[in-house]
Amino acid sequence: MVRRGPGLLGTAARTAVVAGTATAVAGGVR
């Protein structure tokens, strides 16, 4: 699924992963 070319897709995917991880961590801490 990782294709190098359109950086927007990679950035969006990475942002989604980071956001999901941050949400999971924040939810776990609280």
Protein backbone atom coordinates (compact mmCIF):
# COMPACT_ATOMS: atom_id res chain seq x y z
CA MET A 1 0.00 0.00 0.00
CA VAL A 2 3.01 2.24 0.40
CA ARG A 3 3.75 3.86 -2.95
CA ARG A 4 6.42 6.48 -3.30
CA GLY A 5 5.29 9.38 -5.44
CA PRO A 6 2.30 11.31 -4.12
CA GLY A 7 3.57 12.51 -0.75
CA LEU A 8 0.04 13.47 0.32
CA LEU A 9 -1.02 9.83 0.61
CA GLY A 10 2.02 8.91 2.68
CA THR A 11 1.63 11.98 4.87
CA ALA A 12 -2.08 11.37 5.38
CA ALA A 13 -1.48 7.71 6.24
CA ARG A 14 1.31 8.53 8.67
CA THR A 15 -0.77 11.32 10.23
CA ALA A 16 -3.68 8.93 10.70
CA VAL A 17 -1.41 6.38 12.38
CA VAL A 18 0.17 8.99 14.65
CA ALA A 19 -3.22 10.46 15.53
CA GLY A 20 -4.65 7.01 16.24
CA THR A 21 -1.66 6.10 18.42
CA ALA A 22 -1.83 9.40 20.30
CA THR A 23 -5.56 8.92 20.87
CA ALA A 24 -5.01 5.36 22.10
CA VAL A 25 -2.22 6.45 24.43
CA ALA A 26 -4.18 9.43 25.75
CA GLY A 27 -7.25 7.25 26.27
CA GLY A 28 -5.15 4.61 28.03
CA VAL A 29 -3.48 7.15 30.32
CA ARG A 30 -6.78 8.72 31.27
